[in-house]
């Protein structure tokens, strides 16, 4: 008998009058807020404006939720579209079922639209948000705990997860794969933050590192799960997906480092000349200082050039005037003598 285990909640829903508060949805919402909060801090640190991350998240989050649900429904269609199942359940997202692969893929489309509207590069925005996405997954996985789903093989370890009897599940103690993935995502977030500070990752490489690191963990965690899934050559579909996506992420890391080394110097340029033209910015600063001191702004070389020419011409005329006067005085006696 296992005396130590992680208990599961008796219900995943708390009712406040007629309003149901679902643990799964609550975990997803917390994850989104944490991702936007951390992404905003990182974006500002890289020279972006406050609020830009949230503005683009308005596009990315809905697309991501739709993509995550679509991936789940398509890959687990037998849960909704076979005899004895109700296809309407495919729309009940609050009951669980979001595929991270679809969420990231379609969420990137929404983020691309938001970035295009703001005129900023998508890779830079993705780099800023990468560790936040990992944290969002760490929080979101606890939604599986509320729903008593996606656990691993039976075990009697002290940290085993106790599952109660219910639809499509047998009471017992199992590996808490939701907890394993949550902890792994925390480690991924820490890795991306450290690597970004150490190597100044740019042009989407911080995001690629997040994807590669997550795939490594998802591969072995997915292998432990016992929920129903499609298999290819005896291996779960999500394991194959993790392998393919990992390879793509590593290839992007290597090629990006060679083709576009370094990091973006400007992630959100202003459209005014003060930010795009350093010389204009310095000139404006000098003029402001001059106004504060009660004097005119220092003239530039271009402004001083016409004044120099005017002074030269005035000096030439002045020099010519005495010469004419002296010549006239010298000729006057000669005229007198002739008379």
Foldseek 3Di string as FASTA:
>chain_A
DQPFEAEFDPAQWDDPDPDIDGNLVVLLVVLLVQLLVQLQVLQVVLPDDRPLSVQLVVQLQVQLQVQQLVVQCVFPVVQAPDPPHPVVCSPVCSLDGGHNVRSVVRSLVSSVVSCVVQVFDSLQSLLSRQLSNLQSLLSNLCSCRNNVDFFFAADSDNHWYFDDDDPPDDTHTTHGLSNQLSVQSNVLSVVLVVCCVVFVDAPNLSNLSSLLSSLVSCLVSVQGTDDDGDDDPNHGPSNVVSVVSNVVSVVCNVVCCVPPNHHDSHGRADPDCLRVPVVVVVQVVQQVVQVVVVHGRDDDPVRCVVVVVVVVVVVVVVVVVVVVVVVVVVCVVVVVVVD
